[in-house]
Amino acid sequence: MKEDMKIIGQELFRHGKRLFEMARTNILYIIWLIIYFRWSHFVIQPFFGRDLVGGFVFTLMLYAVSLTIAYFFGDEILKLIEGVRPLETKREKEYLTPLFEEVYEDVKEIYPEMPEVKLHIVDTLSVNAMAIGNRTIAVTQGAVETFTSEELQGVMAHEMSHIYYGDTKAIIMNTIGNGIATIAVLGIKLFLRLLERIFGQREFGVIFTLFRFILETWVFLLLWFGRFILSFNSRANEFKADKFAYETGYGKQLTEALYILQKMSLGQKVKLVHRLQASHPRTSKRIGRLEALEDGEI
């Protein structure tokens, strides 16, 4: 009995430690989640009139359900959205599985709390890789065809960092958890459009059109500001993941992969607004940091 309680305690401690680490490295995601919660409460409260406690509790319950779905089922939801599938062909399994298992074992030696993860694939020629939720890493067919086996391992090590630190779980909880606010906004817009049709060009119809315009403008500005905040958090996590790959022995491999990505992006003009909202730092900056780590400069 004592042994069982000890094991349970260790699991709870390990789980709590990972949640704390996820919160610590994704504080901006948490702030944005709170902002969205307040927006949802603002939209829902009028249905409860002066019952402030009732409106707050109802909003809290909706968010609890939404976040629970995101936490436990977010992986599967995003895998469907992204078109992610398991390794199925003999060539995929014989080539990719040994590479992935070698990286996983190396990571596990340095970070024993690394959860079990599985490699998946996406049938697209774009060169990309992604981590999803708690247990999924996916590489595209384009990445498999473009990178060498060593470069692929560098990319895999980078993606494992996002799983280890809970970066992807934080993204899922924001994307799915904040679905309530999205649904609320959509519901209000549809309701205002209905009133516009009913009243047409009459006085009330113009007022409802004005309300809808104000709502859409406010939501646009809020989402733009949110993308800027979350992109800043995401770029910081990318640097952290690059360092993770270096610490697990895959820094040079990742650096070579990034050189290829840099070459592929030559000639692409990116506007300032898009750079501010980019989820990844400039590739040359990532390469510079990895090389500085290799040279012992940082």
C-alpha atoms as a PDB file:
ATOM      1  CA  MET A   1       0.000   0.000   0.000  1.00  0.00           C
ATOM      2  CA  LYS A   2       2.776   2.417   0.956  1.00  0.00           C
ATOM      3  CA  GLU A   3       4.617   1.535  -2.244  1.00  0.00           C
ATOM      4  CA  ASP A   4       1.512   2.267  -4.314  1.00  0.00           C
ATOM      5  CA  MET A   5       1.023   5.612  -2.576  1.00  0.00           C
ATOM      6  CA  LYS A   6       4.665   6.449  -3.191  1.00  0.00           C
ATOM      7  CA  ILE A   7       4.301   5.713  -6.907  1.00  0.00           C
ATOM      8  CA  ILE A   8       1.127   7.804  -7.087  1.00  0.00           C
ATOM      9  CA  GLY A   9       2.867  10.632  -5.283  1.00  0.00           C
ATOM     10  CA  GLN A  10       5.807  10.505  -7.670  1.00  0.00           C
ATOM     11  CA  GLU A  11       3.477  10.580 -10.672  1.00  0.00           C
ATOM     12  CA  LEU A  12       1.546  13.540  -9.271  1.00  0.00           C
ATOM     13  CA  PHE A  13       4.794  15.367  -8.553  1.00  0.00           C
ATOM     14  CA  ARG A  14       6.108  14.657 -12.053  1.00  0.00           C
ATOM     15  CA  HIS A  15       2.835  15.780 -13.617  1.00  0.00           C
ATOM     16  CA  GLY A  16       2.721  18.923 -11.466  1.00  0.00           C
ATOM     17  CA  LYS A  17       6.321  19.744 -12.323  1.00  0.00           C
ATOM     18  CA  ARG A  18       5.579  19.526 -16.052  1.00  0.00           C
ATOM     19  CA  LEU A  19       2.485  21.720 -15.667  1.00  0.00           C
ATOM     20  CA  PHE A  20       4.534  24.299 -13.762  1.00  0.00           C
ATOM     21  CA  GLU A  21       7.215  24.226 -16.448  1.00  0.00           C
ATOM     22  CA  MET A  22       4.580  24.645 -19.146  1.00  0.00           C
ATOM     23  CA  ALA A  23       3.122  27.643 -17.294  1.00  0.00           C
ATOM     24  CA  ARG A  24       6.538  29.188 -16.658  1.00  0.00           C
ATOM     25  CA  THR A  25       7.663  29.059 -20.288  1.00  0.00           C
ATOM     26  CA  ASN A  26       4.274  29.988 -21.755  1.00  0.00           C
ATOM     27  CA  ILE A  27       3.196  32.806 -19.473  1.00  0.00           C
ATOM     28  CA  LEU A  28       1.974  34.919 -22.404  1.00  0.00           C
ATOM     29  CA  TYR A  29      -0.350  32.112 -23.494  1.00  0.00           C
ATOM     30  CA  ILE A  30      -1.840  32.080 -19.998  1.00  0.00           C
ATOM     31  CA  ILE A  31      -2.310  35.860 -20.024  1.00  0.00           C
ATOM     32  CA  TRP A  32      -4.051  35.613 -23.383  1.00  0.00           C
ATOM     33  CA  LEU A  33      -6.279  32.819 -22.054  1.00  0.00           C
ATOM     34  CA  ILE A  34      -7.332  35.082 -19.173  1.00  0.00           C
ATOM     35  CA  ILE A  35      -8.101  37.939 -21.595  1.00  0.00           C
ATOM     36  CA  TYR A  36     -10.270  35.614 -23.667  1.00  0.00           C
ATOM     37  CA  PHE A  37     -12.021  34.391 -20.527  1.00  0.00           C
ATOM     38  CA  ARG A  38     -12.885  37.967 -19.555  1.00  0.00           C
ATOM     39  CA  TRP A  39     -14.196  38.610 -23.067  1.00  0.00           C
ATOM     40  CA  SER A  40     -16.386  35.498 -22.882  1.00  0.00           C
ATOM     41  CA  HIS A  41     -17.668  36.577 -19.479  1.00  0.00           C
ATOM     42  CA  PHE A  42     -18.437  40.039 -20.869  1.00  0.00           C
ATOM     43  CA  VAL A  43     -20.528  38.491 -23.662  1.00  0.00           C
ATOM     44  CA  ILE A  44     -22.326  35.935 -21.462  1.00  0.00           C
ATOM     45  CA  GLN A  45     -23.043  38.146 -18.419  1.00  0.00           C
ATOM     46  CA  PRO A  46     -25.977  40.105 -19.989  1.00  0.00           C
ATOM     47  CA  PHE A  47     -27.960  36.840 -20.141  1.00  0.00           C
ATOM     48  CA  PHE A  48     -27.724  36.655 -16.323  1.00  0.00           C
ATOM     49  CA  GLY A  49     -28.685  40.264 -15.674  1.00  0.00           C
ATOM     50  CA  ARG A  50     -27.600  41.409 -12.223  1.00  0.00           C
ATOM     51  CA  ASP A  51     -26.583  37.916 -11.153  1.00  0.00           C
ATOM     52  CA  LEU A  52     -22.843  38.583 -11.440  1.00  0.00           C
ATOM     53  CA  VAL A  53     -21.870  35.401  -9.629  1.00  0.00           C
ATOM     54  CA  GLY A  54     -24.096  33.257 -11.846  1.00  0.00           C
ATOM     55  CA  GLY A  55     -22.639  34.699 -15.048  1.00  0.00           C
ATOM     56  CA  PHE A  56     -19.079  34.260 -13.818  1.00  0.00           C
ATOM     57  CA  VAL A  57     -19.653  30.675 -12.637  1.00  0.00           C
ATOM     58  CA  PHE A  58     -21.404  29.704 -15.885  1.00  0.00           C
ATOM     59  CA  THR A  59     -18.529  31.131 -17.958  1.00  0.00           C
ATOM     60  CA  LEU A  60     -16.035  29.351 -15.713  1.00  0.00           C
ATOM     61  CA  MET A  61     -17.879  26.037 -16.169  1.00  0.00           C
ATOM     62  CA  LEU A  62     -17.909  26.436 -19.953  1.00  0.00           C
ATOM     63  CA  TYR A  63     -14.186  27.133 -19.945  1.00  0.00           C
ATOM     64  CA  ALA A  64     -13.529  24.184 -17.653  1.00  0.00           C
ATOM     65  CA  VAL A  65     -15.288  21.876 -20.114  1.00  0.00           C
ATOM     66  CA  SER A  66     -13.514  23.442 -23.101  1.00  0.00           C
ATOM     67  CA  LEU A  67     -10.070  23.220 -21.487  1.00  0.00           C
ATOM     68  CA  THR A  68     -10.699  19.645 -20.391  1.00  0.00           C
ATOM     69  CA  ILE A  69     -11.530  18.689 -23.979  1.00  0.00           C
ATOM     70  CA  ALA A  70      -8.395  20.501 -25.152  1.00  0.00           C
ATOM     71  CA  TYR A  71      -6.175  18.854 -22.558  1.00  0.00           C
ATOM     72  CA  PHE A  72      -7.319  15.273 -23.082  1.00  0.00           C
ATOM     73  CA  PHE A  73      -8.439  15.243 -26.734  1.00  0.00           C
ATOM     74  CA  GLY A  74      -6.535  18.138 -28.293  1.00  0.00           C
ATOM     75  CA  ASP A  75      -3.930  15.826 -29.814  1.00  0.00           C
ATOM     76  CA  GLU A  76      -6.481  13.876 -31.812  1.00  0.00           C
ATOM     77  CA  ILE A  77      -8.376  16.993 -32.860  1.00  0.00           C
ATOM     78  CA  LEU A  78      -5.259  18.698 -34.225  1.00  0.00           C
ATOM     79  CA  LYS A  79      -4.040  15.515 -35.898  1.00  0.00           C
ATOM     80  CA  LEU A  80      -7.294  15.446 -37.859  1.00  0.00           C
ATOM     81  CA  ILE A  81      -7.004  19.145 -38.718  1.00  0.00           C
ATOM     82  CA  GLU A  82      -3.354  18.888 -39.841  1.00  0.00           C
ATOM     83  CA  GLY A  83      -3.833  15.623 -41.786  1.00  0.00           C
ATOM     84  CA  VAL A  84      -1.329  13.777 -39.608  1.00  0.00           C
ATOM     85  CA  ARG A  85      -1.131   9.996 -39.966  1.00  0.00           C
ATOM     86  CA  PRO A  86       1.035   7.223 -38.465  1.00  0.00           C
ATOM     87  CA  LEU A  87       3.923   5.646 -40.360  1.00  0.00           C
ATOM     88  CA  GLU A  88       2.307   3.064 -42.627  1.00  0.00           C
ATOM     89  CA  THR A  89       4.584   2.006 -45.465  1.00  0.00           C
ATOM     90  CA  LYS A  90       7.535  -0.337 -45.051  1.00  0.00           C
ATOM     91  CA  ARG A  91       9.944   2.321 -46.304  1.00  0.00           C
ATOM     92  CA  GLU A  92       8.654   4.869 -43.792  1.00  0.00           C
ATOM     93  CA  LYS A  93       8.979   2.465 -40.889  1.00  0.00           C
ATOM     94  CA  GLU A  94      12.396   1.098 -41.846  1.00  0.00           C
ATOM     95  CA  TYR A  95      13.903   4.531 -42.494  1.00  0.00           C
ATOM     96  CA  LEU A  96      12.266   6.842 -39.969  1.00  0.00           C
ATOM     97  CA  THR A  97      11.632   4.628 -36.939  1.00  0.00           C
ATOM     98  CA  PRO A  98      15.326   3.891 -36.129  1.00  0.00           C
ATOM     99  CA  LEU A  99      16.212   7.571 -36.539  1.00  0.00           C
ATOM    100  CA  PHE A 100      13.424   8.660 -34.255  1.00  0.00           C
ATOM    101  CA  GLU A 101      14.080   6.011 -31.604  1.00  0.00           C
ATOM    102  CA  GLU A 102      17.766   6.943 -31.446  1.00  0.00           C
ATOM    103  CA  VAL A 103      16.923  10.600 -30.825  1.00  0.00           C
ATOM    104  CA  TYR A 104      14.283   9.676 -28.256  1.00  0.00           C
ATOM    105  CA  GLU A 105      16.709   7.500 -26.293  1.00  0.00           C
ATOM    106  CA  ASP A 106      19.362  10.232 -26.319  1.00  0.00           C
ATOM    107  CA  VAL A 107      16.806  12.777 -25.090  1.00  0.00           C
ATOM    108  CA  LYS A 108      15.541  10.382 -22.439  1.00  0.00           C
ATOM    109  CA  GLU A 109      19.046   9.991 -21.006  1.00  0.00           C
ATOM    110  CA  ILE A 110      19.353  13.713 -20.350  1.00  0.00           C
ATOM    111  CA  TYR A 111      15.671  14.435 -19.682  1.00  0.00           C
ATOM    112  CA  PRO A 112      14.280  11.290 -17.989  1.00  0.00           C
ATOM    113  CA  GLU A 113      10.889  12.950 -17.561  1.00  0.00           C
ATOM    114  CA  MET A 114      10.430  13.129 -21.328  1.00  0.00           C
ATOM    115  CA  PRO A 115       7.026  11.515 -22.003  1.00  0.00           C
ATOM    116  CA  GLU A 116       6.532   8.779 -24.558  1.00  0.00           C
ATOM    117  CA  VAL A 117       6.107  10.210 -28.046  1.00  0.00           C
ATOM    118  CA  LYS A 118       5.314   8.724 -31.433  1.00  0.00           C
ATOM    119  CA  LEU A 119       6.406   9.800 -34.886  1.00  0.00           C
ATOM    120  CA  HIS A 120       3.800  10.584 -37.534  1.00  0.00           C
ATOM    121  CA  ILE A 121       3.913  11.913 -41.065  1.00  0.00           C
ATOM    122  CA  VAL A 122       2.053  14.491 -43.167  1.00  0.00           C
ATOM    123  CA  ASP A 123       1.529  13.889 -46.878  1.00  0.00           C
ATOM    124  CA  THR A 124       2.690  17.237 -48.234  1.00  0.00           C
ATOM    125  CA  LEU A 125       5.791  18.337 -50.121  1.00  0.00           C
ATOM    126  CA  SER A 126       6.255  21.418 -47.942  1.00  0.00           C
ATOM    127  CA  VAL A 127       9.348  21.120 -45.746  1.00  0.00           C
ATOM    128  CA  ASN A 128       8.108  21.197 -42.175  1.00  0.00           C
ATOM    129  CA  ALA A 129       7.905  19.385 -38.853  1.00  0.00           C
ATOM    130  CA  MET A 130       5.608  19.900 -35.899  1.00  0.00           C
ATOM    131  CA  ALA A 131       4.912  18.771 -32.364  1.00  0.00           C
ATOM    132  CA  ILE A 132       1.295  18.220 -31.357  1.00  0.00           C
ATOM    133  CA  GLY A 133       0.036  18.010 -27.797  1.00  0.00           C
ATOM    134  CA  ASN A 134       1.668  15.610 -25.378  1.00  0.00           C
ATOM    135  CA  ARG A 135       2.789  12.724 -27.524  1.00  0.00           C
ATOM    136  CA  THR A 136       2.916  13.432 -31.272  1.00  0.00           C
ATOM    137  CA  ILE A 137       5.717  14.597 -33.544  1.00  0.00           C
ATOM    138  CA  ALA A 138       5.129  14.790 -37.281  1.00  0.00           C
ATOM    139  CA  VAL A 139       7.418  15.396 -40.245  1.00  0.00           C
ATOM    140  CA  THR A 140       6.233  16.154 -43.746  1.00  0.00           C
ATOM    141  CA  GLN A 141       7.102  14.091 -46.802  1.00  0.00           C
ATOM    142  CA  GLY A 142       8.904  17.190 -48.065  1.00  0.00           C
ATOM    143  CA  ALA A 143      11.147  17.208 -44.990  1.00  0.00           C
ATOM    144  CA  VAL A 144      11.924  13.507 -45.411  1.00  0.00           C
ATOM    145  CA  GLU A 145      12.884  14.064 -49.048  1.00  0.00           C
ATOM    146  CA  THR A 146      14.884  17.250 -48.384  1.00  0.00           C
ATOM    147  CA  PHE A 147      16.889  16.563 -45.232  1.00  0.00           C
ATOM    148  CA  THR A 148      19.561  13.943 -44.679  1.00  0.00           C
ATOM    149  CA  SER A 149      18.993  11.401 -41.919  1.00  0.00           C
ATOM    150  CA  GLU A 150      21.233  13.417 -39.560  1.00  0.00           C
ATOM    151  CA  GLU A 151      19.413  16.662 -40.328  1.00  0.00           C
ATOM    152  CA  LEU A 152      16.076  14.951 -39.736  1.00  0.00           C
ATOM    153  CA  GLN A 153      17.310  13.858 -36.329  1.00  0.00           C
ATOM    154  CA  GLY A 154      18.243  17.433 -35.487  1.00  0.00           C
ATOM    155  CA  VAL A 155      14.730  18.540 -36.405  1.00  0.00           C
ATOM    156  CA  MET A 156      13.207  15.712 -34.348  1.00  0.00           C
ATOM    157  CA  ALA A 157      15.257  16.689 -31.296  1.00  0.00           C
ATOM    158  CA  HIS A 158      14.038  20.283 -31.680  1.00  0.00           C
ATOM    159  CA  GLU A 159      10.394  19.180 -31.814  1.00  0.00           C
ATOM    160  CA  MET A 160      10.807  16.966 -28.739  1.00  0.00           C
ATOM    161  CA  SER A 161      11.579  20.096 -26.749  1.00  0.00           C
ATOM    162  CA  HIS A 162       8.088  21.441 -27.478  1.00  0.00           C
ATOM    163  CA  ILE A 163       6.625  18.218 -26.092  1.00  0.00           C
ATOM    164  CA  TYR A 164       8.894  18.227 -23.043  1.00  0.00           C
ATOM    165  CA  TYR A 165       8.164  21.831 -22.060  1.00  0.00           C
ATOM    166  CA  GLY A 166       4.457  21.629 -22.896  1.00  0.00           C
ATOM    167  CA  ASP A 167       4.588  24.366 -25.547  1.00  0.00           C
ATOM    168  CA  THR A 168       2.202  22.534 -27.855  1.00  0.00           C
ATOM    169  CA  LYS A 169      -0.214  21.756 -25.033  1.00  0.00           C
ATOM    170  CA  ALA A 170      -0.362  25.478 -24.220  1.00  0.00           C
ATOM    171  CA  ILE A 171      -1.152  26.209 -27.880  1.00  0.00           C
ATOM    172  CA  ILE A 172      -3.895  23.584 -27.952  1.00  0.00           C
ATOM    173  CA  MET A 173      -5.484  24.908 -24.776  1.00  0.00           C
ATOM    174  CA  ASN A 174      -5.516  28.424 -26.265  1.00  0.00           C
ATOM    175  CA  THR A 175      -6.822  27.299 -29.648  1.00  0.00           C
ATOM    176  CA  ILE A 176      -9.520  24.907 -28.442  1.00  0.00           C
ATOM    177  CA  GLY A 177     -10.048  26.309 -24.960  1.00  0.00           C
ATOM    178  CA  ASN A 178     -10.811  29.748 -26.339  1.00  0.00           C
ATOM    179  CA  GLY A 179     -13.379  28.282 -28.706  1.00  0.00           C
ATOM    180  CA  ILE A 180     -16.103  29.597 -26.395  1.00  0.00           C
ATOM    181  CA  ALA A 181     -15.138  33.194 -27.110  1.00  0.00           C
ATOM    182  CA  THR A 182     -15.030  32.472 -30.848  1.00  0.00           C
ATOM    183  CA  ILE A 183     -18.477  30.874 -30.761  1.00  0.00           C
ATOM    184  CA  ALA A 184     -19.839  33.779 -28.712  1.00  0.00           C
ATOM    185  CA  VAL A 185     -18.571  36.347 -31.223  1.00  0.00           C
ATOM    186  CA  LEU A 186     -19.960  34.337 -34.135  1.00  0.00           C
ATOM    187  CA  GLY A 187     -23.325  34.046 -32.386  1.00  0.00           C
ATOM    188  CA  ILE A 188     -23.552  37.794 -31.785  1.00  0.00           C
ATOM    189  CA  LYS A 189     -22.572  38.584 -35.393  1.00  0.00           C
ATOM    190  CA  LEU A 190     -25.207  36.216 -36.759  1.00  0.00           C
ATOM    191  CA  PHE A 191     -27.824  37.694 -34.407  1.00  0.00           C
ATOM    192  CA  LEU A 192     -26.991  41.247 -35.527  1.00  0.00           C
ATOM    193  CA  ARG A 193     -27.124  40.208 -39.194  1.00  0.00           C
ATOM    194  CA  LEU A 194     -30.566  38.702 -38.582  1.00  0.00           C
ATOM    195  CA  LEU A 195     -31.774  41.949 -37.011  1.00  0.00           C
ATOM    196  CA  GLU A 196     -30.314  43.901 -39.956  1.00  0.00           C
ATOM    197  CA  ARG A 197     -32.376  41.809 -42.370  1.00  0.00           C
ATOM    198  CA  ILE A 198     -35.512  42.195 -40.295  1.00  0.00           C
ATOM    199  CA  PHE A 199     -35.278  45.984 -39.993  1.00  0.00           C
ATOM    200  CA  GLY A 200     -33.561  46.605 -43.353  1.00  0.00           C
ATOM    201  CA  GLN A 201     -32.537  50.232 -43.953  1.00  0.00           C
ATOM    202  CA  ARG A 202     -34.766  51.585 -41.219  1.00  0.00           C
ATOM    203  CA  GLU A 203     -33.363  53.352 -38.167  1.00  0.00           C
ATOM    204  CA  PHE A 204     -32.949  50.219 -36.048  1.00  0.00           C
ATOM    205  CA  GLY A 205     -31.357  48.365 -38.949  1.00  0.00           C
ATOM    206  CA  VAL A 206     -28.672  51.045 -39.288  1.00  0.00           C
ATOM    207  CA  ILE A 207     -27.996  50.878 -35.544  1.00  0.00           C
ATOM    208  CA  PHE A 208     -27.535  47.097 -35.664  1.00  0.00           C
ATOM    209  CA  THR A 209     -25.195  47.477 -38.659  1.00  0.00           C
ATOM    210  CA  LEU A 210     -23.168  50.005 -36.668  1.00  0.00           C
ATOM    211  CA  PHE A 211     -23.005  47.645 -33.683  1.00  0.00           C
ATOM    212  CA  ARG A 212     -21.795  44.823 -35.915  1.00  0.00           C
ATOM    213  CA  PHE A 213     -19.124  47.064 -37.466  1.00  0.00           C
ATOM    214  CA  ILE A 214     -17.866  48.106 -34.006  1.00  0.00           C
ATOM    215  CA  LEU A 215     -17.825  44.479 -32.862  1.00  0.00           C
ATOM    216  CA  GLU A 216     -15.916  43.250 -35.927  1.00  0.00           C
ATOM    217  CA  THR A 217     -13.390  46.103 -35.662  1.00  0.00           C
ATOM    218  CA  TRP A 218     -12.837  45.468 -31.960  1.00  0.00           C
ATOM    219  CA  VAL A 219     -12.409  41.708 -32.502  1.00  0.00           C
ATOM    220  CA  PHE A 220     -10.006  42.315 -35.403  1.00  0.00           C
ATOM    221  CA  LEU A 221      -7.807  44.588 -33.271  1.00  0.00           C
ATOM    222  CA  LEU A 222      -7.950  42.172 -30.341  1.00  0.00           C
ATOM    223  CA  LEU A 223      -6.941  39.206 -32.484  1.00  0.00           C
ATOM    224  CA  TRP A 224      -4.151  41.165 -34.168  1.00  0.00           C
ATOM    225  CA  PHE A 225      -2.779  42.155 -30.779  1.00  0.00           C
ATOM    226  CA  GLY A 226      -3.150  38.563 -29.603  1.00  0.00           C
ATOM    227  CA  ARG A 227      -1.216  37.185 -32.562  1.00  0.00           C
ATOM    228  CA  PHE A 228       1.579  39.641 -31.798  1.00  0.00           C
ATOM    229  CA  ILE A 229       1.760  38.528 -28.144  1.00  0.00           C
ATOM    230  CA  LEU A 230       1.579  34.809 -28.892  1.00  0.00           C
ATOM    231  CA  SER A 231       4.130  35.093 -31.705  1.00  0.00           C
ATOM    232  CA  PHE A 232       6.585  36.666 -29.274  1.00  0.00           C
ATOM    233  CA  ASN A 233       6.077  33.704 -26.912  1.00  0.00           C
ATOM    234  CA  SER A 234       6.404  31.235 -29.787  1.00  0.00           C
ATOM    235  CA  ARG A 235       9.683  32.740 -31.020  1.00  0.00           C
ATOM    236  CA  ALA A 236      11.159  32.481 -27.522  1.00  0.00           C
ATOM    237  CA  ASN A 237      10.137  28.820 -27.416  1.00  0.00           C
ATOM    238  CA  GLU A 238      11.874  28.181 -30.734  1.00  0.00           C
ATOM    239  CA  PHE A 239      15.196  29.420 -29.354  1.00  0.00           C
ATOM    240  CA  LYS A 240      14.650  27.264 -26.300  1.00  0.00           C
ATOM    241  CA  ALA A 241      13.957  24.226 -28.497  1.00  0.00           C
ATOM    242  CA  ASP A 242      17.115  24.854 -30.523  1.00  0.00           C
ATOM    243  CA  LYS A 243      19.131  24.888 -27.286  1.00  0.00           C
ATOM    244  CA  PHE A 244      17.390  21.669 -26.234  1.00  0.00           C
ATOM    245  CA  ALA A 245      18.551  20.012 -29.473  1.00  0.00           C
ATOM    246  CA  TYR A 246      22.091  21.234 -28.812  1.00  0.00           C
ATOM    247  CA  GLU A 247      22.055  19.919 -25.227  1.00  0.00           C
ATOM    248  CA  THR A 248      20.929  16.487 -26.409  1.00  0.00           C
ATOM    249  CA  GLY A 249      23.740  16.263 -28.951  1.00  0.00           C
ATOM    250  CA  TYR A 250      21.919  17.315 -32.110  1.00  0.00           C
ATOM    251  CA  GLY A 251      22.959  20.944 -32.424  1.00  0.00           C
ATOM    252  CA  LYS A 252      25.133  20.537 -35.526  1.00  0.00           C
ATOM    253  CA  GLN A 253      22.505  18.407 -37.262  1.00  0.00           C
ATOM    254  CA  LEU A 254      19.836  21.024 -36.596  1.00  0.00           C
ATOM    255  CA  THR A 255      22.143  23.803 -37.754  1.00  0.00           C
ATOM    256  CA  GLU A 256      22.643  22.071 -41.113  1.00  0.00           C
ATOM    257  CA  ALA A 257      18.885  21.651 -41.486  1.00  0.00           C
ATOM    258  CA  LEU A 258      18.379  25.346 -40.768  1.00  0.00           C
ATOM    259  CA  TYR A 259      20.962  26.284 -43.415  1.00  0.00           C
ATOM    260  CA  ILE A 260      18.856  24.375 -45.936  1.00  0.00           C
ATOM    261  CA  LEU A 261      15.689  26.178 -44.796  1.00  0.00           C
ATOM    262  CA  GLN A 262      17.506  29.500 -45.060  1.00  0.00           C
ATOM    263  CA  LYS A 263      18.552  28.719 -48.631  1.00  0.00           C
ATOM    264  CA  MET A 264      14.985  27.724 -49.530  1.00  0.00           C
ATOM    265  CA  SER A 265      13.634  31.034 -48.214  1.00  0.00           C
ATOM    266  CA  LEU A 266      16.005  33.251 -50.227  1.00  0.00           C
ATOM    267  CA  GLY A 267      14.130  35.750 -52.353  1.00  0.00           C
ATOM    268  CA  GLN A 268      11.029  35.768 -50.168  1.00  0.00           C
ATOM    269  CA  LYS A 269      10.028  39.266 -49.106  1.00  0.00           C
ATOM    270  CA  VAL A 270       8.301  39.395 -45.734  1.00  0.00           C
ATOM    271  CA  LYS A 271       6.452  42.525 -44.648  1.00  0.00           C
ATOM    272  CA  LEU A 272       7.121  44.037 -41.227  1.00  0.00           C
ATOM    273  CA  VAL A 273       3.652  43.188 -39.923  1.00  0.00           C
ATOM    274  CA  HIS A 274       4.174  39.545 -40.884  1.00  0.00           C
ATOM    275  CA  ARG A 275       7.610  39.499 -39.256  1.00  0.00           C
ATOM    276  CA  LEU A 276       6.083  40.790 -36.024  1.00  0.00           C
ATOM    277  CA  GLN A 277       3.489  38.017 -36.098  1.00  0.00           C
ATOM    278  CA  ALA A 278       5.852  35.251 -37.236  1.00  0.00           C
ATOM    279  CA  SER A 279       5.830  32.169 -35.007  1.00  0.00           C
ATOM    280  CA  HIS A 280       9.513  31.431 -35.752  1.00  0.00           C
ATOM    281  CA  PRO A 281      12.550  33.724 -35.382  1.00  0.00           C
ATOM    282  CA  ARG A 282      14.641  34.650 -38.387  1.00  0.00           C
ATOM    283  CA  THR A 283      16.474  31.521 -39.535  1.00  0.00           C
ATOM    284  CA  SER A 284      19.868  33.216 -39.653  1.00  0.00           C
ATOM    285  CA  LYS A 285      19.417  34.313 -36.040  1.00  0.00           C
ATOM    286  CA  ARG A 286      18.661  30.746 -34.974  1.00  0.00           C
ATOM    287  CA  ILE A 287      21.737  29.505 -36.839  1.00  0.00           C
ATOM    288  CA  GLY A 288      23.883  32.177 -35.200  1.00  0.00           C
ATOM    289  CA  ARG A 289      22.750  31.167 -31.726  1.00  0.00           C
ATOM    290  CA  LEU A 290      23.364  27.485 -32.354  1.00  0.00           C
ATOM    291  CA  GLU A 291      26.833  28.205 -33.715  1.00  0.00           C
ATOM    292  CA  ALA A 292      27.577  30.366 -30.679  1.00  0.00           C
ATOM    293  CA  LEU A 293      26.532  27.461 -28.446  1.00  0.00           C
ATOM    294  CA  GLU A 294      28.803  25.110 -30.378  1.00  0.00           C
ATOM    295  CA  ASP A 295      31.712  27.550 -30.026  1.00  0.00           C
ATOM    296  CA  GLY A 296      31.060  28.052 -26.309  1.00  0.00           C
ATOM    297  CA  GLU A 297      30.325  31.746 -26.748  1.00  0.00           C
ATOM    298  CA  ILE A 298      27.005  31.578 -24.873  1.00  0.00           C
END
